[in-house]
Amino acid sequence: MQIEIWSDFACPFCYIGKRRLEEAVSWFEHRDHIDIQYRSFELDPNAEKDVPHDVHDMLSSKYGMTRDQAIEMNQNVGRSAAEAGLDFQFDSIVLTNTFDAHRLSHFGAHYGKRTELTELLLKGYFTDGKHLGDRETLLSIAEEAGLDRAEAAEALASGRFTDSVRSEEQEAAKLGVRGVPFYVINRKYAVSGAQPTEVFLRALEQAWQDENPAKLVDVGSEAAGVCTDEACDIPSDK
């Protein structure tokens, strides 16, 4: 069973949703049959690499609220993150453009490291205050994931995987994705947002049941007593 996840490294609910889905998968009876694939989505493709203000001022400007109200909003999100076992440090977040981080994730995919990179990039952004728009920072993260730094540097410098990122974003648009996180199960079932663990679990169970209907296997070959609407067939003693 395949789960595709469109997300951005600058999306707090993508990280929270990641943990909730992981918990749901750990509860799922058929978890060994699940294949999770991350897909690229930029919340702000036009974001600058270096931003002069912090995340509180960004929210204040975007939603027309005071800085104190923005801080309170972030604190509420931080509490949700803590409930999922995450440590969000909003005061340390470095706003930036995440395009190169997405390209790095595609580079990592060639070595089976995309899931690991996704975790490191999200943690780097929300917990460690790392600048995900900075090439040297991205290369350090690549090394942490066990990737070759020089090869990763060449990939980022050359512009490789630009088409890969754009292709997944275009695919999201065709699917009607307007926000992230967005989860697609077997290209048939969709879950939007960082839903509670129980919601993810129900979605997994429903998808599994629909794709794997119960099959009846008759393990009895001798008469053992059967009732129909008309009568009961009582087996005779031998």
Protein backbone atom coordinates (compact mmCIF):
# COMPACT_ATOMS: atom_id res chain seq x y z
CA MET A 1 0.00 0.00 0.00
CA GLN A 2 1.56 3.27 -1.10
CA ILE A 3 1.23 6.56 0.77
CA GLU A 4 2.40 9.69 -1.05
CA ILE A 5 2.95 12.78 1.08
CA TRP A 6 3.15 16.25 -0.41
CA SER A 7 4.86 18.54 2.10
CA ASP A 8 7.20 21.48 2.58
CA PHE A 9 10.07 21.75 5.03
CA ALA A 10 8.79 25.14 6.23
CA CYS A 11 5.36 23.75 7.14
CA PRO A 12 4.91 23.04 10.87
CA PHE A 13 1.90 20.82 10.29
CA CYS A 14 3.88 18.71 7.85
CA TYR A 15 6.23 17.77 10.68
CA ILE A 16 3.39 17.23 13.16
CA GLY A 17 1.46 15.20 10.59
CA LYS A 18 4.55 13.13 9.90
CA ARG A 19 4.74 12.05 13.52
CA ARG A 20 1.01 11.32 13.74
CA LEU A 21 1.09 9.23 10.58
CA GLU A 22 4.14 7.34 11.83
CA GLU A 23 2.27 6.54 15.02
CA ALA A 24 -0.76 5.36 13.04
CA VAL A 25 1.46 3.13 10.92
CA SER A 26 3.00 1.64 14.05
CA TRP A 27 -0.51 0.67 15.19
CA PHE A 28 -1.54 -0.67 11.78
CA GLU A 29 -1.69 -4.45 11.53
CA HIS A 30 -0.35 -4.49 7.97
CA ARG A 31 2.38 -1.88 8.48
CA ASP A 32 4.98 -4.07 6.75
CA HIS A 33 3.07 -3.60 3.50
CA ILE A 34 3.21 0.21 3.53
CA ASP A 35 5.49 2.19 1.24
CA ILE A 36 5.75 5.90 2.12
CA GLN A 37 6.95 8.30 -0.56
CA TYR A 38 7.54 12.02 0.03
CA ARG A 39 6.69 14.56 -2.67
CA SER A 40 7.74 18.19 -3.13
CA PHE A 41 5.49 21.18 -2.49
CA GLU A 42 6.65 24.76 -1.90
CA LEU A 43 4.34 26.92 0.18
CA ASP A 44 6.06 30.03 -1.18
CA PRO A 45 8.08 29.40 -4.36
CA ASN A 46 8.89 33.13 -4.49
CA ALA A 47 10.36 33.31 -1.00
CA GLU A 48 13.73 35.00 -0.66
CA LYS A 49 16.77 33.01 0.38
CA ASP A 50 17.64 35.52 3.11
CA VAL A 51 14.71 37.06 4.97
CA PRO A 52 15.29 40.07 7.26
CA HIS A 53 12.44 39.33 9.68
CA ASP A 54 11.49 36.40 11.92
CA VAL A 55 8.55 34.02 11.77
CA HIS A 56 6.52 36.07 14.25
CA ASP A 57 6.74 39.21 12.12
CA MET A 58 5.98 37.16 9.03
CA LEU A 59 2.72 35.91 10.52
CA SER A 60 1.88 39.35 11.86
CA SER A 61 2.23 40.85 8.39
CA LYS A 62 0.54 37.98 6.57
CA TYR A 63 -2.55 37.79 8.76
CA GLY A 64 -2.81 41.39 9.90
CA MET A 65 -2.31 40.64 13.59
CA THR A 66 -0.06 42.02 16.29
CA ARG A 67 3.31 40.45 16.98
CA ASP A 68 2.05 39.24 20.36
CA GLN A 69 -0.87 37.52 18.66
CA ALA A 70 1.53 35.88 16.21
CA ILE A 71 3.69 34.66 19.08
CA GLU A 72 0.63 33.20 20.77
CA MET A 73 -0.37 31.46 17.54
CA ASN A 74 3.06 29.91 17.24
CA GLN A 75 2.98 28.84 20.87
CA ASN A 76 -0.28 27.00 20.21
CA VAL A 77 1.31 25.19 17.28
CA GLY A 78 4.31 24.45 19.48
CA ARG A 79 2.06 22.77 22.03
CA SER A 80 0.57 20.56 19.32
CA ALA A 81 4.10 19.70 18.23
CA ALA A 82 5.09 18.83 21.79
CA GLU A 83 2.13 16.45 22.05
CA ALA A 84 3.55 14.69 18.99
CA GLY A 85 6.98 14.47 20.63
CA LEU A 86 8.53 17.38 18.72
CA ASP A 87 10.45 20.38 19.97
CA PHE A 88 9.62 23.50 17.95
CA GLN A 89 11.87 26.51 18.53
CA PHE A 90 10.02 29.29 16.72
CA ASP A 91 12.35 32.04 17.95
CA SER A 92 15.24 30.34 16.15
CA ILE A 93 13.54 29.56 12.84
CA VAL A 94 15.36 30.98 9.81
CA LEU A 95 12.87 31.87 7.09
CA THR A 96 14.11 31.05 3.60
CA ASN A 97 13.31 29.55 0.22
CA THR A 98 13.06 25.74 0.39
CA PHE A 99 13.60 24.95 -3.30
CA ASP A 100 17.21 23.75 -2.90
CA ALA A 101 16.18 21.66 0.10
CA HIS A 102 13.61 19.94 -2.10
CA ARG A 103 16.25 19.36 -4.78
CA LEU A 104 18.50 17.83 -2.14
CA SER A 105 15.69 15.47 -1.13
CA HIS A 106 15.47 14.25 -4.73
CA PHE A 107 19.23 13.74 -4.79
CA GLY A 108 18.88 11.66 -1.64
CA ALA A 109 16.07 9.64 -3.20
CA HIS A 110 18.60 8.15 -5.64
CA TYR A 111 20.32 6.55 -2.65
CA GLY A 112 17.19 5.59 -0.72
CA LYS A 113 17.66 8.50 1.67
CA ARG A 114 14.69 10.74 0.94
CA THR A 115 12.72 9.78 4.04
CA GLU A 116 15.78 10.24 6.24
CA LEU A 117 16.57 13.60 4.63
CA THR A 118 12.98 14.73 5.10
CA GLU A 119 13.26 14.13 8.83
CA LEU A 120 16.63 15.89 9.08
CA LEU A 121 15.45 18.89 7.07
CA LEU A 122 12.28 19.31 9.13
CA LYS A 123 14.21 18.95 12.37
CA GLY A 124 16.85 21.34 11.11
CA TYR A 125 14.25 23.98 10.32
CA PHE A 126 11.91 23.72 13.30
CA THR A 127 14.18 22.53 16.10
CA ASP A 128 17.78 23.36 15.28
CA GLY A 129 17.34 26.77 13.64
CA LYS A 130 19.25 25.79 10.51
CA HIS A 131 19.24 27.92 7.35
CA LEU A 132 17.82 25.54 4.74
CA GLY A 133 18.51 28.03 1.96
CA ASP A 134 22.24 27.94 2.67
CA ARG A 135 24.15 25.47 0.50
CA GLU A 136 26.76 24.62 3.13
CA THR A 137 24.01 23.89 5.64
CA LEU A 138 22.29 21.59 3.16
CA LEU A 139 25.55 19.79 2.44
CA SER A 140 26.12 19.21 6.14
CA ILE A 141 22.64 17.71 6.38
CA ALA A 142 23.39 15.52 3.37
CA GLU A 143 26.52 14.26 5.12
CA GLU A 144 24.52 13.58 8.27
CA ALA A 145 22.24 11.38 6.18
CA GLY A 146 25.25 9.43 4.96
CA LEU A 147 25.47 11.02 1.49
CA ASP A 148 28.61 12.11 -0.29
CA ARG A 149 29.13 15.83 0.32
CA ALA A 150 31.02 16.50 -2.91
CA GLU A 151 28.42 14.75 -5.04
CA ALA A 152 25.62 16.59 -3.27
CA ALA A 153 27.45 19.88 -3.85
CA GLU A 154 27.74 19.13 -7.57
CA ALA A 155 24.04 18.30 -7.77
CA LEU A 156 23.01 21.56 -6.12
CA ALA A 157 25.47 23.69 -8.08
CA SER A 158 24.46 22.22 -11.43
CA GLY A 159 20.74 22.73 -10.99
CA ARG A 160 20.01 19.01 -11.10
CA PHE A 161 16.59 17.81 -9.91
CA THR A 162 14.92 21.14 -10.74
CA ASP A 163 12.59 19.31 -13.13
CA SER A 164 11.93 16.63 -10.51
CA VAL A 165 10.70 19.19 -8.00
CA ARG A 166 8.58 21.01 -10.57
CA SER A 167 7.10 17.76 -11.83
CA GLU A 168 5.86 16.76 -8.37
CA GLU A 169 4.46 20.24 -7.78
CA GLN A 170 2.60 20.08 -11.09
CA GLU A 171 1.30 16.67 -10.14
CA ALA A 172 0.00 18.13 -6.88
CA ALA A 173 -1.82 20.83 -8.84
CA LYS A 174 -3.48 18.18 -11.04
CA LEU A 175 -4.62 16.35 -7.92
CA GLY A 176 -6.13 19.57 -6.57
CA VAL A 177 -3.65 19.98 -3.72
CA ARG A 178 -3.96 23.50 -2.33
CA GLY A 179 -2.23 23.06 1.01
CA VAL A 180 0.05 20.68 2.84
CA PRO A 181 0.48 18.20 4.31
CA PHE A 182 -1.55 16.21 1.80
CA TYR A 183 -1.62 12.41 1.81
CA VAL A 184 -2.67 10.17 -1.07
CA ILE A 185 -3.17 6.46 -0.42
CA ASN A 186 -2.98 4.15 -3.45
CA ARG A 187 -3.89 7.11 -5.67
CA LYS A 188 -7.46 6.60 -4.50
CA TYR A 189 -7.85 7.99 -0.99
CA ALA A 190 -6.86 11.46 0.23
CA VAL A 191 -6.24 12.87 3.68
CA SER A 192 -5.63 16.59 4.08
CA GLY A 193 -3.86 18.20 7.02
CA ALA A 194 -2.17 16.97 10.18
CA GLN A 195 -5.09 14.81 11.23
CA PRO A 196 -5.19 13.01 14.59
CA THR A 197 -3.47 9.63 14.67
CA GLU A 198 -6.83 7.87 14.88
CA VAL A 199 -7.99 9.47 11.61
CA PHE A 200 -4.87 8.28 9.83
CA LEU A 201 -5.35 4.80 11.23
CA ARG A 202 -8.97 4.65 10.04
CA ALA A 203 -7.88 5.79 6.58
CA LEU A 204 -5.24 3.06 6.44
CA GLU A 205 -7.69 0.41 7.58
CA GLN A 206 -10.34 1.54 5.09
CA ALA A 207 -7.86 1.59 2.22
CA TRP A 208 -6.58 -1.86 3.15
CA GLN A 209 -10.07 -3.34 3.40
CA ASP A 210 -11.11 -1.87 0.06
CA GLU A 211 -7.99 -3.09 -1.69
CA ASN A 212 -7.93 -6.48 0.04
CA PRO A 213 -11.52 -7.71 0.47
CA ALA A 214 -12.00 -10.66 2.76
CA LYS A 215 -11.94 -14.02 1.00
CA LEU A 216 -13.99 -16.92 2.32
CA VAL A 217 -12.14 -20.20 2.48
CA ASP A 218 -14.15 -23.35 3.13
CA VAL A 219 -12.05 -25.49 5.44
CA GLY A 220 -14.81 -28.03 6.17
CA SER A 221 -15.41 -30.78 3.65
CA GLU A 222 -17.76 -33.00 5.66
CA ALA A 223 -21.30 -32.31 6.86
CA ALA A 224 -21.20 -30.72 10.28
CA GLY A 225 -24.71 -29.42 10.71
CA VAL A 226 -26.08 -26.56 8.61
CA CYS A 227 -29.28 -24.55 8.94
CA THR A 228 -31.00 -22.72 6.08
CA ASP A 229 -34.25 -20.78 6.00
CA GLU A 230 -36.05 -24.00 5.14
CA ALA A 231 -34.62 -26.58 7.49
CA CYS A 232 -31.67 -27.80 9.50
CA ASP A 233 -29.52 -30.58 8.16
CA ILE A 234 -28.52 -32.66 11.11
CA PRO A 235 -25.43 -34.79 10.45
CA SER A 236 -25.95 -38.46 11.07
CA ASP A 237 -23.73 -40.43 13.42
CA LYS A 238 -21.26 -42.73 11.77
